[in-house]
Amino acid sequence: MFTWTHTVTTTAAPEQIWPLYTDVSRWLEWDSGLEAVTLEGPFAVGSSGTLQVEGQPPLTWVLTDVVENALFTDVTEIPGVATLTFVHRIEPRGQGSAVTHEVSIDGPAAAQLGPMVTSDTPEAMGALVRIAESA
């Protein structure tokens, strides 16, 4: 199993960050590693969509936990290769927030995939909070 966590702080309130998560079409604004992302249905537990990482075929992802303005978890299965679980947390901190992304990967390719999956996450998180701060 591979696990990874990164936290950034921001002057943006959780209510400024949350819409950048729930409107998945905006993920392309802050995550440069994504080529496309869709969501069928509401941003709620059980809804699923596809995401396409640069140079890779589309993968299906499912929302498994959603708490408005606080967190969401999505799971992506790569059959026979790995299960990727992403937890996105927003915690109020003083006049802003702490944003944490946690990644856990289980399966035979976990050790290989982990560094590739997380390499650009700090950059994406930085872009996320810059957009939220300007909102």
N, C-alpha and C. Protein backbone atom coordinates (compact mmCIF):
# COMPACT_ATOMS: atom_id res chain seq x y z
N MET A 1 0.84 -1.18 0.00
CA MET A 1 0.00 0.00 0.00
C MET A 1 0.89 1.25 0.00
N PHE A 2 0.45 2.24 -0.74
CA PHE A 2 1.14 3.52 -0.82
C PHE A 2 0.22 4.56 -0.18
N THR A 3 0.76 5.42 0.68
CA THR A 3 -0.02 6.52 1.25
C THR A 3 0.78 7.81 1.15
N TRP A 4 0.07 8.90 1.02
CA TRP A 4 0.70 10.21 0.84
C TRP A 4 -0.28 11.29 1.30
N THR A 5 0.22 12.31 1.98
CA THR A 5 -0.61 13.41 2.46
C THR A 5 0.12 14.72 2.24
N HIS A 6 -0.62 15.75 1.84
CA HIS A 6 -0.05 17.08 1.67
C HIS A 6 -1.09 18.11 2.12
N THR A 7 -0.65 19.13 2.85
CA THR A 7 -1.54 20.19 3.34
C THR A 7 -1.01 21.54 2.93
N VAL A 8 -1.91 22.42 2.51
CA VAL A 8 -1.58 23.82 2.25
C VAL A 8 -2.56 24.68 3.06
N THR A 9 -2.10 25.86 3.43
CA THR A 9 -3.00 26.79 4.12
C THR A 9 -3.33 27.93 3.17
N THR A 10 -4.46 28.55 3.44
CA THR A 10 -4.97 29.59 2.56
C THR A 10 -5.80 30.59 3.35
N THR A 11 -5.94 31.79 2.81
CA THR A 11 -6.83 32.78 3.41
C THR A 11 -8.27 32.55 2.97
N ALA A 12 -8.49 31.65 2.03
CA ALA A 12 -9.84 31.35 1.55
C ALA A 12 -10.61 30.54 2.59
N ALA A 13 -11.88 30.86 2.72
CA ALA A 13 -12.78 30.11 3.61
C ALA A 13 -13.21 28.82 2.92
N PRO A 14 -13.63 27.82 3.70
CA PRO A 14 -14.11 26.58 3.09
C PRO A 14 -15.17 26.81 2.02
N GLU A 15 -16.04 27.80 2.23
CA GLU A 15 -17.11 28.08 1.27
C GLU A 15 -16.59 28.63 -0.06
N GLN A 16 -15.37 29.14 -0.06
CA GLN A 16 -14.76 29.60 -1.31
C GLN A 16 -14.09 28.44 -2.06
N ILE A 17 -13.62 27.45 -1.32
CA ILE A 17 -12.92 26.31 -1.90
C ILE A 17 -13.89 25.26 -2.41
N TRP A 18 -14.93 24.99 -1.65
CA TRP A 18 -15.87 23.90 -1.94
C TRP A 18 -16.41 23.92 -3.37
N PRO A 19 -16.84 25.08 -3.92
CA PRO A 19 -17.36 25.08 -5.30
C PRO A 19 -16.32 24.64 -6.33
N LEU A 20 -15.05 24.82 -6.03
CA LEU A 20 -14.00 24.38 -6.96
C LEU A 20 -13.87 22.86 -6.97
N TYR A 21 -14.37 22.21 -5.95
CA TYR A 21 -14.43 20.75 -5.91
C TYR A 21 -15.73 20.25 -6.56
N THR A 22 -16.86 20.84 -6.18
CA THR A 22 -18.15 20.30 -6.61
C THR A 22 -18.46 20.53 -8.07
N ASP A 23 -17.90 21.56 -8.68
CA ASP A 23 -18.06 21.79 -10.12
C ASP A 23 -16.86 21.14 -10.80
N VAL A 24 -17.00 19.86 -11.13
CA VAL A 24 -15.85 19.10 -11.62
C VAL A 24 -15.29 19.65 -12.92
N SER A 25 -16.08 20.41 -13.67
CA SER A 25 -15.54 21.03 -14.89
C SER A 25 -14.43 22.03 -14.54
N ARG A 26 -14.42 22.53 -13.31
CA ARG A 26 -13.40 23.48 -12.88
C ARG A 26 -12.11 22.79 -12.44
N TRP A 27 -12.14 21.46 -12.27
CA TRP A 27 -10.92 20.75 -11.88
C TRP A 27 -9.80 21.01 -12.88
N LEU A 28 -10.16 21.18 -14.14
CA LEU A 28 -9.15 21.42 -15.18
C LEU A 28 -8.44 22.76 -14.98
N GLU A 29 -9.08 23.69 -14.26
CA GLU A 29 -8.47 24.99 -13.97
C GLU A 29 -7.31 24.88 -12.99
N TRP A 30 -7.44 23.96 -12.04
CA TRP A 30 -6.42 23.89 -11.00
C TRP A 30 -5.57 22.63 -11.04
N ASP A 31 -5.95 21.62 -11.80
CA ASP A 31 -5.15 20.40 -11.90
C ASP A 31 -4.69 20.22 -13.34
N SER A 32 -3.49 20.69 -13.64
CA SER A 32 -2.98 20.68 -15.01
C SER A 32 -2.71 19.27 -15.54
N GLY A 33 -2.70 18.26 -14.68
CA GLY A 33 -2.47 16.89 -15.11
C GLY A 33 -3.70 16.22 -15.70
N LEU A 34 -4.86 16.87 -15.56
CA LEU A 34 -6.10 16.30 -16.09
C LEU A 34 -6.39 16.82 -17.48
N GLU A 35 -6.83 15.91 -18.35
CA GLU A 35 -7.26 16.30 -19.69
C GLU A 35 -8.77 16.45 -19.76
N ALA A 36 -9.49 15.65 -18.97
CA ALA A 36 -10.95 15.69 -18.99
C ALA A 36 -11.49 15.08 -17.70
N VAL A 37 -12.66 15.56 -17.29
CA VAL A 37 -13.33 14.99 -16.12
C VAL A 37 -14.83 15.19 -16.28
N THR A 38 -15.60 14.17 -15.91
CA THR A 38 -17.06 14.24 -15.96
C THR A 38 -17.63 13.73 -14.65
N LEU A 39 -18.88 14.10 -14.40
CA LEU A 39 -19.63 13.57 -13.26
C LEU A 39 -21.06 13.38 -13.71
N GLU A 40 -21.57 12.18 -13.53
CA GLU A 40 -22.96 11.88 -13.85
C GLU A 40 -23.77 12.01 -12.57
N GLY A 41 -24.66 12.99 -12.53
CA GLY A 41 -25.48 13.20 -11.35
C GLY A 41 -24.90 14.26 -10.44
N PRO A 42 -25.49 14.37 -9.24
CA PRO A 42 -25.05 15.41 -8.31
C PRO A 42 -23.72 15.05 -7.65
N PHE A 43 -23.10 16.04 -7.04
CA PHE A 43 -21.87 15.81 -6.29
C PHE A 43 -22.29 15.20 -4.95
N ALA A 44 -22.55 13.89 -4.96
CA ALA A 44 -23.09 13.19 -3.80
C ALA A 44 -22.58 11.75 -3.79
N VAL A 45 -22.63 11.15 -2.62
CA VAL A 45 -22.19 9.76 -2.48
C VAL A 45 -22.92 8.88 -3.50
N GLY A 46 -22.14 8.06 -4.18
CA GLY A 46 -22.68 7.13 -5.17
C GLY A 46 -22.59 7.63 -6.60
N SER A 47 -22.47 8.94 -6.79
CA SER A 47 -22.33 9.47 -8.15
C SER A 47 -20.94 9.11 -8.68
N SER A 48 -20.88 8.95 -9.99
CA SER A 48 -19.60 8.58 -10.59
C SER A 48 -19.39 9.36 -11.87
N GLY A 49 -18.18 9.30 -12.35
CA GLY A 49 -17.83 9.97 -13.58
C GLY A 49 -16.58 9.36 -14.15
N THR A 50 -15.98 10.06 -15.08
CA THR A 50 -14.72 9.62 -15.65
C THR A 50 -13.71 10.75 -15.52
N LEU A 51 -12.46 10.35 -15.45
CA LEU A 51 -11.39 11.33 -15.51
C LEU A 51 -10.29 10.77 -16.37
N GLN A 52 -9.65 11.69 -17.06
CA GLN A 52 -8.57 11.28 -17.95
C GLN A 52 -7.33 12.08 -17.60
N VAL A 53 -6.31 11.36 -17.17
CA VAL A 53 -5.03 11.95 -16.86
C VAL A 53 -4.25 12.04 -18.16
N GLU A 54 -3.47 13.07 -18.28
CA GLU A 54 -2.69 13.31 -19.48
C GLU A 54 -2.00 12.03 -19.99
N GLY A 55 -2.29 11.67 -21.24
CA GLY A 55 -1.65 10.53 -21.88
C GLY A 55 -2.20 9.17 -21.49
N GLN A 56 -3.29 9.13 -20.72
CA GLN A 56 -3.86 7.85 -20.26
C GLN A 56 -5.30 7.73 -20.73
N PRO A 57 -5.82 6.50 -20.77
CA PRO A 57 -7.24 6.33 -21.12
C PRO A 57 -8.13 6.79 -19.96
N PRO A 58 -9.39 7.13 -20.23
CA PRO A 58 -10.30 7.55 -19.16
C PRO A 58 -10.50 6.44 -18.13
N LEU A 59 -10.65 6.86 -16.87
CA LEU A 59 -10.92 5.94 -15.77
C LEU A 59 -12.20 6.37 -15.07
N THR A 60 -12.92 5.41 -14.51
CA THR A 60 -14.14 5.71 -13.77
C THR A 60 -13.80 5.99 -12.32
N TRP A 61 -14.42 7.01 -11.75
CA TRP A 61 -14.26 7.33 -10.33
C TRP A 61 -15.64 7.45 -9.70
N VAL A 62 -15.70 7.19 -8.38
CA VAL A 62 -16.96 7.18 -7.64
C VAL A 62 -16.79 8.00 -6.36
N LEU A 63 -17.78 8.83 -6.06
CA LEU A 63 -17.78 9.56 -4.79
C LEU A 63 -18.25 8.62 -3.68
N THR A 64 -17.44 8.44 -2.66
CA THR A 64 -17.79 7.52 -1.57
C THR A 64 -18.08 8.24 -0.25
N ASP A 65 -17.74 9.52 -0.16
CA ASP A 65 -18.03 10.31 1.04
C ASP A 65 -18.07 11.78 0.62
N VAL A 66 -19.10 12.49 1.04
CA VAL A 66 -19.22 13.91 0.74
C VAL A 66 -19.81 14.61 1.96
N VAL A 67 -19.08 15.59 2.49
CA VAL A 67 -19.55 16.42 3.59
C VAL A 67 -19.34 17.87 3.13
N GLU A 68 -20.43 18.58 2.86
CA GLU A 68 -20.35 19.92 2.29
C GLU A 68 -19.40 20.83 3.05
N ASN A 69 -18.57 21.52 2.31
CA ASN A 69 -17.59 22.48 2.82
C ASN A 69 -16.53 21.86 3.74
N ALA A 70 -16.45 20.53 3.77
CA ALA A 70 -15.50 19.88 4.68
C ALA A 70 -14.65 18.80 4.02
N LEU A 71 -15.27 17.89 3.27
CA LEU A 71 -14.47 16.82 2.67
C LEU A 71 -15.23 16.06 1.62
N PHE A 72 -14.46 15.45 0.73
CA PHE A 72 -15.03 14.43 -0.15
C PHE A 72 -13.96 13.39 -0.43
N THR A 73 -14.44 12.18 -0.69
CA THR A 73 -13.56 11.06 -1.01
C THR A 73 -14.02 10.47 -2.33
N ASP A 74 -13.05 10.21 -3.19
CA ASP A 74 -13.38 9.51 -4.43
C ASP A 74 -12.44 8.32 -4.60
N VAL A 75 -12.97 7.30 -5.24
CA VAL A 75 -12.24 6.06 -5.45
C VAL A 75 -12.21 5.75 -6.94
N THR A 76 -11.02 5.41 -7.43
CA THR A 76 -10.83 5.02 -8.82
C THR A 76 -10.22 3.62 -8.84
N GLU A 77 -10.87 2.74 -9.58
CA GLU A 77 -10.38 1.36 -9.73
C GLU A 77 -9.66 1.22 -11.07
N ILE A 78 -8.48 0.67 -11.02
CA ILE A 78 -7.80 0.25 -12.24
C ILE A 78 -7.75 -1.27 -12.12
N PRO A 79 -8.70 -1.97 -12.75
CA PRO A 79 -8.85 -3.41 -12.54
C PRO A 79 -7.54 -4.20 -12.69
N GLY A 80 -7.25 -5.00 -11.68
CA GLY A 80 -6.06 -5.84 -11.68
C GLY A 80 -4.77 -5.09 -11.41
N VAL A 81 -4.86 -3.77 -11.25
CA VAL A 81 -3.66 -2.95 -11.08
C VAL A 81 -3.64 -2.27 -9.71
N ALA A 82 -4.71 -1.49 -9.41
CA ALA A 82 -4.72 -0.74 -8.17
C ALA A 82 -6.08 -0.12 -7.90
N THR A 83 -6.32 0.20 -6.63
CA THR A 83 -7.46 1.00 -6.19
C THR A 83 -6.89 2.28 -5.61
N LEU A 84 -7.29 3.41 -6.17
CA LEU A 84 -6.80 4.71 -5.72
C LEU A 84 -7.90 5.42 -4.95
N THR A 85 -7.60 5.81 -3.73
CA THR A 85 -8.55 6.53 -2.89
C THR A 85 -7.99 7.91 -2.60
N PHE A 86 -8.77 8.93 -2.92
CA PHE A 86 -8.36 10.32 -2.71
C PHE A 86 -9.32 10.96 -1.71
N VAL A 87 -8.77 11.50 -0.62
CA VAL A 87 -9.56 12.23 0.36
C VAL A 87 -9.13 13.69 0.27
N HIS A 88 -10.12 14.57 0.14
CA HIS A 88 -9.88 16.01 0.03
C HIS A 88 -10.56 16.66 1.24
N ARG A 89 -9.78 17.28 2.12
CA ARG A 89 -10.32 17.89 3.34
C ARG A 89 -10.12 19.39 3.34
N ILE A 90 -11.12 20.08 3.89
CA ILE A 90 -11.01 21.52 4.13
C ILE A 90 -11.33 21.75 5.61
N GLU A 91 -10.39 22.35 6.33
CA GLU A 91 -10.61 22.62 7.75
C GLU A 91 -10.45 24.11 8.00
N PRO A 92 -11.45 24.73 8.63
CA PRO A 92 -11.31 26.16 8.96
C PRO A 92 -10.09 26.36 9.87
N ARG A 93 -9.33 27.41 9.59
CA ARG A 93 -8.16 27.76 10.40
C ARG A 93 -8.10 29.27 10.50
N GLY A 94 -8.39 29.82 11.66
CA GLY A 94 -8.32 31.26 11.84
C GLY A 94 -9.13 32.00 10.78
N GLN A 95 -8.46 32.84 10.00
CA GLN A 95 -9.12 33.61 8.95
C GLN A 95 -9.09 32.89 7.60
N GLY A 96 -8.83 31.60 7.59
CA GLY A 96 -8.75 30.87 6.32
C GLY A 96 -9.03 29.40 6.51
N SER A 97 -8.24 28.58 5.82
CA SER A 97 -8.47 27.14 5.83
C SER A 97 -7.16 26.39 5.66
N ALA A 98 -7.18 25.14 6.07
CA ALA A 98 -6.13 24.18 5.73
C ALA A 98 -6.77 23.19 4.76
N VAL A 99 -6.12 22.97 3.64
CA VAL A 99 -6.61 22.05 2.63
C VAL A 99 -5.64 20.87 2.59
N THR A 100 -6.18 19.67 2.78
CA THR A 100 -5.36 18.46 2.80
C THR A 100 -5.86 17.49 1.76
N HIS A 101 -4.94 16.96 0.98
CA HIS A 101 -5.25 15.88 0.05
C HIS A 101 -4.48 14.65 0.50
N GLU A 102 -5.21 13.56 0.69
CA GLU A 102 -4.62 12.29 1.10
C GLU A 102 -4.85 11.29 -0.01
N VAL A 103 -3.80 10.56 -0.35
CA VAL A 103 -3.89 9.55 -1.40
C VAL A 103 -3.46 8.21 -0.81
N SER A 104 -4.28 7.19 -1.02
CA SER A 104 -3.85 5.84 -0.67
C SER A 104 -4.11 4.96 -1.89
N ILE A 105 -3.14 4.12 -2.17
CA ILE A 105 -3.22 3.24 -3.34
C ILE A 105 -2.95 1.83 -2.86
N ASP A 106 -3.86 0.93 -3.21
CA ASP A 106 -3.74 -0.47 -2.83
C ASP A 106 -3.71 -1.30 -4.11
N GLY A 107 -2.92 -2.35 -4.10
CA GLY A 107 -2.87 -3.23 -5.27
C GLY A 107 -1.44 -3.46 -5.71
N PRO A 108 -1.26 -4.36 -6.67
CA PRO A 108 0.08 -4.75 -7.08
C PRO A 108 0.94 -3.62 -7.64
N ALA A 109 0.33 -2.57 -8.18
CA ALA A 109 1.12 -1.48 -8.76
C ALA A 109 1.19 -0.24 -7.86
N ALA A 110 0.79 -0.39 -6.59
CA ALA A 110 0.72 0.76 -5.69
C ALA A 110 2.04 1.52 -5.58
N ALA A 111 3.13 0.81 -5.35
CA ALA A 111 4.43 1.46 -5.17
C ALA A 111 4.87 2.20 -6.43
N GLN A 112 4.56 1.66 -7.60
CA GLN A 112 4.91 2.30 -8.86
C GLN A 112 4.04 3.52 -9.14
N LEU A 113 2.74 3.37 -8.92
CA LEU A 113 1.79 4.44 -9.24
C LEU A 113 1.88 5.62 -8.28
N GLY A 114 2.17 5.36 -7.01
CA GLY A 114 2.14 6.41 -5.99
C GLY A 114 2.89 7.67 -6.35
N PRO A 115 4.18 7.58 -6.64
CA PRO A 115 4.92 8.79 -6.98
C PRO A 115 4.42 9.48 -8.24
N MET A 116 3.95 8.72 -9.22
CA MET A 116 3.42 9.32 -10.45
C MET A 116 2.13 10.07 -10.17
N VAL A 117 1.25 9.46 -9.38
CA VAL A 117 -0.05 10.04 -9.09
C VAL A 117 0.08 11.32 -8.27
N THR A 118 1.01 11.35 -7.35
CA THR A 118 1.12 12.48 -6.42
C THR A 118 2.13 13.55 -6.83
N SER A 119 2.90 13.33 -7.88
CA SER A 119 4.00 14.24 -8.21
C SER A 119 3.55 15.68 -8.44
N ASP A 120 2.40 15.87 -9.08
CA ASP A 120 1.96 17.23 -9.36
C ASP A 120 0.87 17.72 -8.41
N THR A 121 0.55 16.94 -7.39
CA THR A 121 -0.52 17.32 -6.47
C THR A 121 -0.22 18.60 -5.70
N PRO A 122 0.99 18.81 -5.17
CA PRO A 122 1.24 20.09 -4.49
C PRO A 122 1.01 21.30 -5.41
N GLU A 123 1.42 21.18 -6.66
CA GLU A 123 1.21 22.26 -7.63
C GLU A 123 -0.29 22.49 -7.85
N ALA A 124 -1.05 21.42 -8.00
CA ALA A 124 -2.50 21.53 -8.20
C ALA A 124 -3.17 22.16 -6.98
N MET A 125 -2.75 21.77 -5.80
CA MET A 125 -3.32 22.33 -4.57
C MET A 125 -3.01 23.83 -4.47
N GLY A 126 -1.81 24.22 -4.85
CA GLY A 126 -1.45 25.63 -4.86
C GLY A 126 -2.34 26.42 -5.79
N ALA A 127 -2.59 25.88 -6.98
CA ALA A 127 -3.48 26.54 -7.94
C ALA A 127 -4.91 26.61 -7.39
N LEU A 128 -5.37 25.54 -6.76
CA LEU A 128 -6.71 25.50 -6.17
C LEU A 128 -6.90 26.65 -5.19
N VAL A 129 -5.97 26.81 -4.25
CA VAL A 129 -6.14 27.85 -3.24
C VAL A 129 -5.96 29.25 -3.84
N ARG A 130 -5.12 29.42 -4.84
CA ARG A 130 -4.98 30.73 -5.48
C ARG A 130 -6.30 31.14 -6.15
N ILE A 131 -6.95 30.20 -6.82
CA ILE A 131 -8.23 30.49 -7.46
C ILE A 131 -9.27 30.82 -6.39
N ALA A 132 -9.31 30.04 -5.31
CA ALA A 132 -10.27 30.27 -4.24
C ALA A 132 -10.05 31.63 -3.58
N GLU A 133 -8.81 32.00 -3.39
CA GLU A 133 -8.50 33.29 -2.76
C GLU A 133 -8.94 34.48 -3.61
N SER A 134 -8.97 34.28 -4.93
CA SER A 134 -9.36 35.38 -5.81
C SER A 134 -10.88 35.44 -6.03
N ALA A 135 -11.60 34.48 -5.48
CA ALA A 135 -13.05 34.43 -5.67
C ALA A 135 -13.76 35.46 -4.79
